[in-house]
N, C-alpha and C. Protein backbone atom coordinates (compact mmCIF):
# COMPACT_ATOMS: atom_id res chain seq x y z
N MET A 1 -46.09 -13.89 106.07
CA MET A 1 -44.97 -12.91 106.35
C MET A 1 -44.86 -11.96 104.72
N SER A 2 -44.58 -10.94 105.04
CA SER A 2 -44.31 -10.42 104.11
C SER A 2 -43.03 -9.45 103.82
N THR A 3 -42.27 -9.71 102.89
CA THR A 3 -41.16 -8.92 102.51
C THR A 3 -41.56 -7.42 101.84
N ILE A 4 -40.26 -6.64 102.68
CA ILE A 4 -40.65 -5.20 102.25
C ILE A 4 -39.51 -4.42 101.05
N THR A 5 -40.06 -3.96 100.41
CA THR A 5 -39.04 -3.89 98.64
C THR A 5 -38.84 -2.46 99.32
N SER A 6 -37.63 -1.97 98.62
CA SER A 6 -37.60 -0.49 98.69
C SER A 6 -37.16 0.20 97.28
N ASP A 7 -37.09 1.32 96.62
CA ASP A 7 -36.90 1.95 95.85
C ASP A 7 -35.08 2.43 95.78
N LEU A 8 -35.09 1.88 96.86
CA LEU A 8 -33.79 2.70 97.02
C LEU A 8 -32.68 1.04 96.59
N ASP A 9 -31.12 1.40 96.60
CA ASP A 9 -30.65 0.68 95.94
C ASP A 9 -29.54 0.39 97.38
N PRO A 10 -29.41 -0.46 97.83
CA PRO A 10 -27.98 -0.30 99.02
C PRO A 10 -27.51 -1.32 98.52
N ARG A 11 -26.60 -0.10 99.58
CA ARG A 11 -24.70 -0.86 98.69
C ARG A 11 -24.27 -1.23 100.16
N ALA A 12 -22.77 -2.50 100.03
CA ALA A 12 -22.13 -2.05 101.73
C ALA A 12 -20.96 -1.63 101.18
N VAL A 13 -20.36 -0.61 102.43
CA VAL A 13 -19.24 -0.44 102.35
C VAL A 13 -18.10 -1.43 103.30
N ARG A 14 -18.59 -2.23 103.53
CA ARG A 14 -17.32 -3.07 104.40
C ARG A 14 -18.42 -4.78 104.84
N THR A 15 -17.67 -5.79 104.89
CA THR A 15 -18.57 -6.58 105.43
C THR A 15 -17.16 -7.96 106.09
N TRP A 16 -17.67 -8.44 107.22
CA TRP A 16 -16.87 -9.20 107.84
C TRP A 16 -17.97 -10.42 108.68
N VAL A 17 -17.20 -11.28 109.19
CA VAL A 17 -17.84 -12.58 109.75
C VAL A 17 -17.85 -13.30 110.95
N GLU A 18 -18.60 -13.58 112.02
CA GLU A 18 -18.53 -13.46 112.99
C GLU A 18 -19.36 -14.75 113.35
N SER A 19 -18.51 -15.97 114.04
CA SER A 19 -19.94 -17.03 114.79
C SER A 19 -20.21 -16.86 113.90
N ARG A 20 -19.55 -17.09 112.62
CA ARG A 20 -20.94 -17.98 110.82
C ARG A 20 -21.84 -17.07 110.64
N MET A 21 -21.41 -15.69 111.29
CA MET A 21 -22.63 -14.97 110.77
C MET A 21 -21.88 -13.65 110.01
N VAL A 22 -22.86 -13.32 108.96
CA VAL A 22 -22.30 -12.65 107.81
C VAL A 22 -22.46 -10.88 108.19
N PHE A 23 -22.02 -10.56 108.43
CA PHE A 23 -22.14 -8.43 109.04
C PHE A 23 -21.87 -7.59 107.34
N ILE A 24 -22.74 -6.88 107.11
CA ILE A 24 -22.70 -6.12 106.18
C ILE A 24 -22.83 -4.63 106.33
N GLU A 25 -22.01 -3.53 106.99
CA GLU A 25 -22.11 -2.50 106.92
C GLU A 25 -23.28 -1.59 105.44
N LEU A 26 -24.23 -1.06 105.76
CA LEU A 26 -24.36 0.04 104.30
C LEU A 26 -23.81 1.21 104.28
N THR A 27 -23.94 1.88 103.14
CA THR A 27 -24.07 3.02 103.04
C THR A 27 -24.87 4.22 104.16
N ASP A 28 -25.90 3.53 104.14
CA ASP A 28 -26.51 4.83 105.28
C ASP A 28 -26.44 4.30 106.66
N GLY A 29 -25.34 3.53 106.94
CA GLY A 29 -25.03 3.38 108.52
C GLY A 29 -25.48 2.23 109.26
N ARG A 30 -26.58 1.39 108.27
CA ARG A 30 -27.05 0.22 109.19
C ARG A 30 -26.28 -0.85 108.67
N VAL A 31 -26.29 -1.82 109.84
CA VAL A 31 -25.39 -2.87 109.90
C VAL A 31 -26.21 -4.05 109.96
N ILE A 32 -26.22 -5.17 109.37
CA ILE A 32 -27.16 -5.83 109.38
C ILE A 32 -26.46 -7.26 109.09
N GLY A 33 -26.56 -8.40 109.36
CA GLY A 33 -26.58 -9.77 109.76
C GLY A 33 -26.95 -10.84 109.14
N PHE A 34 -26.79 -11.99 108.74
CA PHE A 34 -27.81 -13.00 108.53
C PHE A 34 -26.64 -14.21 108.82
N PRO A 35 -27.02 -15.40 108.94
CA PRO A 35 -26.24 -16.78 109.27
C PRO A 35 -26.09 -17.68 107.98
N ALA A 36 -25.09 -18.07 108.24
CA ALA A 36 -24.33 -18.55 106.88
C ALA A 36 -24.81 -19.52 106.38
N SER A 37 -26.16 -20.09 107.20
CA SER A 37 -26.49 -21.06 106.80
C SER A 37 -27.50 -21.12 106.57
N ARG A 38 -28.07 -19.74 106.00
CA ARG A 38 -29.20 -19.22 105.07
C ARG A 38 -29.01 -19.64 103.39
N PHE A 39 -27.38 -19.75 103.13
CA PHE A 39 -27.16 -19.97 101.65
C PHE A 39 -26.99 -21.50 101.68
N ARG A 40 -27.07 -22.52 100.51
CA ARG A 40 -26.02 -23.37 100.25
C ARG A 40 -24.92 -23.42 100.43
N LEU A 41 -24.24 -22.66 99.98
CA LEU A 41 -22.35 -22.98 99.76
C LEU A 41 -22.15 -22.54 101.29
N LEU A 42 -22.30 -21.12 101.77
CA LEU A 42 -21.73 -21.12 102.64
C LEU A 42 -22.55 -21.63 103.87
N ALA A 43 -22.96 -22.42 103.81
CA ALA A 43 -23.45 -23.13 105.22
C ALA A 43 -22.90 -24.24 105.62
N ASN A 44 -22.16 -24.83 103.91
CA ASN A 44 -21.37 -25.96 104.05
C ASN A 44 -19.47 -25.41 104.57
N ALA A 45 -19.11 -24.26 104.24
CA ALA A 45 -17.93 -23.81 103.87
C ALA A 45 -18.05 -23.93 105.27
N THR A 46 -16.43 -24.16 104.83
CA THR A 46 -15.20 -23.92 106.11
C THR A 46 -15.19 -22.65 106.54
N THR A 47 -14.66 -22.57 108.20
CA THR A 47 -14.55 -21.02 108.47
C THR A 47 -13.73 -20.39 107.95
N GLU A 48 -12.21 -20.64 107.23
CA GLU A 48 -11.86 -20.45 106.33
C GLU A 48 -12.38 -19.24 105.75
N ALA A 49 -12.94 -20.92 104.78
CA ALA A 49 -13.19 -19.93 103.53
C ALA A 49 -14.74 -18.84 103.81
N LEU A 50 -15.58 -19.24 104.92
CA LEU A 50 -16.87 -18.10 104.83
C LEU A 50 -15.50 -16.87 105.12
N ASN A 51 -14.58 -16.83 105.70
CA ASN A 51 -13.79 -15.31 106.32
C ASN A 51 -13.09 -14.49 104.80
N GLN A 52 -13.00 -15.37 103.82
CA GLN A 52 -12.79 -14.89 102.70
C GLN A 52 -13.71 -13.94 101.75
N ILE A 53 -14.54 -13.21 101.89
CA ILE A 53 -15.55 -12.29 102.17
C ILE A 53 -15.08 -10.99 101.09
N GLU A 54 -15.47 -10.76 100.30
CA GLU A 54 -14.94 -9.30 99.54
C GLU A 54 -16.71 -8.49 99.31
N VAL A 55 -16.41 -7.63 99.63
CA VAL A 55 -17.45 -6.66 98.77
C VAL A 55 -16.95 -6.37 97.11
N CYS A 56 -18.32 -5.95 96.57
CA CYS A 56 -17.59 -6.36 95.01
C CYS A 56 -18.92 -5.09 94.57
N LEU A 57 -18.42 -5.39 93.16
CA LEU A 57 -19.33 -4.52 92.05
C LEU A 57 -20.17 -2.97 92.84
N ASP A 58 -18.92 -2.77 93.30
CA ASP A 58 -19.16 -0.87 93.73
C ASP A 58 -20.12 -1.13 95.04
N GLY A 59 -19.83 -2.40 96.07
CA GLY A 59 -21.09 -2.04 97.05
C GLY A 59 -22.62 -2.84 96.50
N ALA A 60 -22.86 -3.60 95.85
CA ALA A 60 -23.84 -3.83 95.20
C ALA A 60 -23.74 -5.64 95.57
N ALA A 61 -22.56 -6.09 96.09
CA ALA A 61 -23.11 -7.57 96.12
C ALA A 61 -21.34 -7.71 96.78
N LEU A 62 -21.79 -9.17 98.00
CA LEU A 62 -20.68 -10.11 98.21
C LEU A 62 -20.13 -10.64 97.54
N ARG A 63 -19.21 -11.13 97.69
CA ARG A 63 -18.28 -12.49 96.49
C ARG A 63 -17.29 -13.53 97.74
N TRP A 64 -17.11 -14.20 97.61
CA TRP A 64 -16.49 -15.72 98.10
C TRP A 64 -15.86 -16.39 96.58
N GLU A 65 -14.73 -15.55 95.98
CA GLU A 65 -14.02 -16.06 95.30
C GLU A 65 -13.99 -17.72 95.17
N THR A 66 -13.47 -17.98 96.38
CA THR A 66 -13.07 -19.85 96.34
C THR A 66 -13.85 -20.69 96.16
N MET A 67 -15.37 -20.24 96.58
CA MET A 67 -16.68 -20.88 96.28
C MET A 67 -17.03 -20.36 95.22
N GLU A 68 -16.47 -19.25 94.28
CA GLU A 68 -17.52 -18.75 93.66
C GLU A 68 -18.96 -18.53 93.56
N GLU A 69 -18.90 -18.04 94.47
CA GLU A 69 -20.11 -17.75 94.98
C GLU A 69 -20.70 -16.34 95.22
N ASP A 70 -21.56 -15.12 94.85
CA ASP A 70 -21.69 -14.38 95.01
C ASP A 70 -23.65 -13.84 95.68
N ILE A 71 -23.67 -12.80 96.35
CA ILE A 71 -24.82 -12.67 96.81
C ILE A 71 -25.28 -11.10 96.71
N SER A 72 -26.14 -10.39 95.95
CA SER A 72 -26.29 -9.56 95.87
C SER A 72 -27.17 -8.78 97.55
N VAL A 73 -26.45 -6.92 97.55
CA VAL A 73 -26.59 -7.14 99.11
C VAL A 73 -28.30 -6.81 99.05
N ARG A 74 -29.14 -6.11 97.97
CA ARG A 74 -30.16 -5.73 97.93
C ARG A 74 -31.16 -7.00 98.21
N GLY A 75 -30.68 -8.15 97.53
CA GLY A 75 -31.79 -9.60 98.30
C GLY A 75 -31.45 -9.68 99.41
N ILE A 76 -30.24 -9.48 100.09
CA ILE A 76 -30.16 -9.86 101.65
C ILE A 76 -30.96 -8.60 102.61
N VAL A 77 -30.79 -7.08 102.39
CA VAL A 77 -31.61 -6.56 102.82
C VAL A 77 -32.90 -6.47 102.84
N GLU A 78 -33.42 -7.25 101.48
CA GLU A 78 -35.04 -7.70 101.35
C GLU A 78 -35.35 -8.97 101.90
N GLY A 79 -34.48 -9.91 102.86
CA GLY A 79 -34.38 -10.75 103.01
C GLY A 79 -34.99 -12.01 102.14
N ARG A 80 -34.44 -12.11 100.68
CA ARG A 80 -34.32 -12.97 99.83
C ARG A 80 -33.11 -14.03 100.37
N PHE A 81 -33.62 -15.24 101.04
CA PHE A 81 -32.25 -16.10 101.17
C PHE A 81 -32.73 -17.01 100.57
N GLN A 82 -31.64 -18.08 100.35
CA GLN A 82 -31.86 -19.86 99.90
C GLN A 82 -32.66 -20.74 100.84
N LEU A 83 -32.13 -20.19 101.90
CA LEU A 83 -32.63 -21.82 103.06
C LEU A 83 -33.41 -21.14 104.21
N PRO A 84 -34.16 -21.69 104.41
CA PRO A 84 -35.09 -20.96 106.32
C PRO A 84 -34.14 -21.39 107.12
N LEU A 85 -34.36 -20.46 108.41
CA LEU A 85 -33.98 -20.41 109.52
C LEU A 85 -33.77 -21.68 110.08
N PRO A 86 -32.85 -22.12 110.88
CA PRO A 86 -33.28 -23.52 111.34
C PRO A 86 -33.91 -23.54 112.41
N LEU A 87 -34.66 -24.39 112.92
CA LEU A 87 -35.85 -24.53 113.52
C LEU A 87 -35.12 -23.64 114.89
N PRO A 88 -34.18 -24.42 116.02
CA PRO A 88 -34.01 -23.36 116.95
C PRO A 88 -33.63 -21.54 116.99
N LEU A 89 -33.56 -21.36 115.76
CA LEU A 89 -33.24 -19.78 115.66
C LEU A 89 -34.84 -19.10 115.12
N ALA A 90 -35.27 -20.09 114.63
CA ALA A 90 -36.58 -19.56 113.81
C ALA A 90 -37.82 -19.26 115.23
N ALA A 91 -37.38 -20.31 115.77
CA ALA A 91 -38.81 -20.19 117.48
C ALA A 91 -38.87 -18.72 117.59
């Protein structure tokens, strides 16, 4: 599997969580999402903690203050996750 990289600097304008899926709207209009289970701290977070997401660093990162978790938007766009997809989703 290859990862596509880009010279562009993707930025988020808003983010939200639905059914443990984290969604990001980018400045170019794309909306992307990933399961919270792809990151160690997010995988074990309560729904309440997961919903406390904010866009920071001028749209370059997502932040969960109570968990002290920061994830770069560029990393998400490029598909760089800490954990593999769970088996039912990977099939």
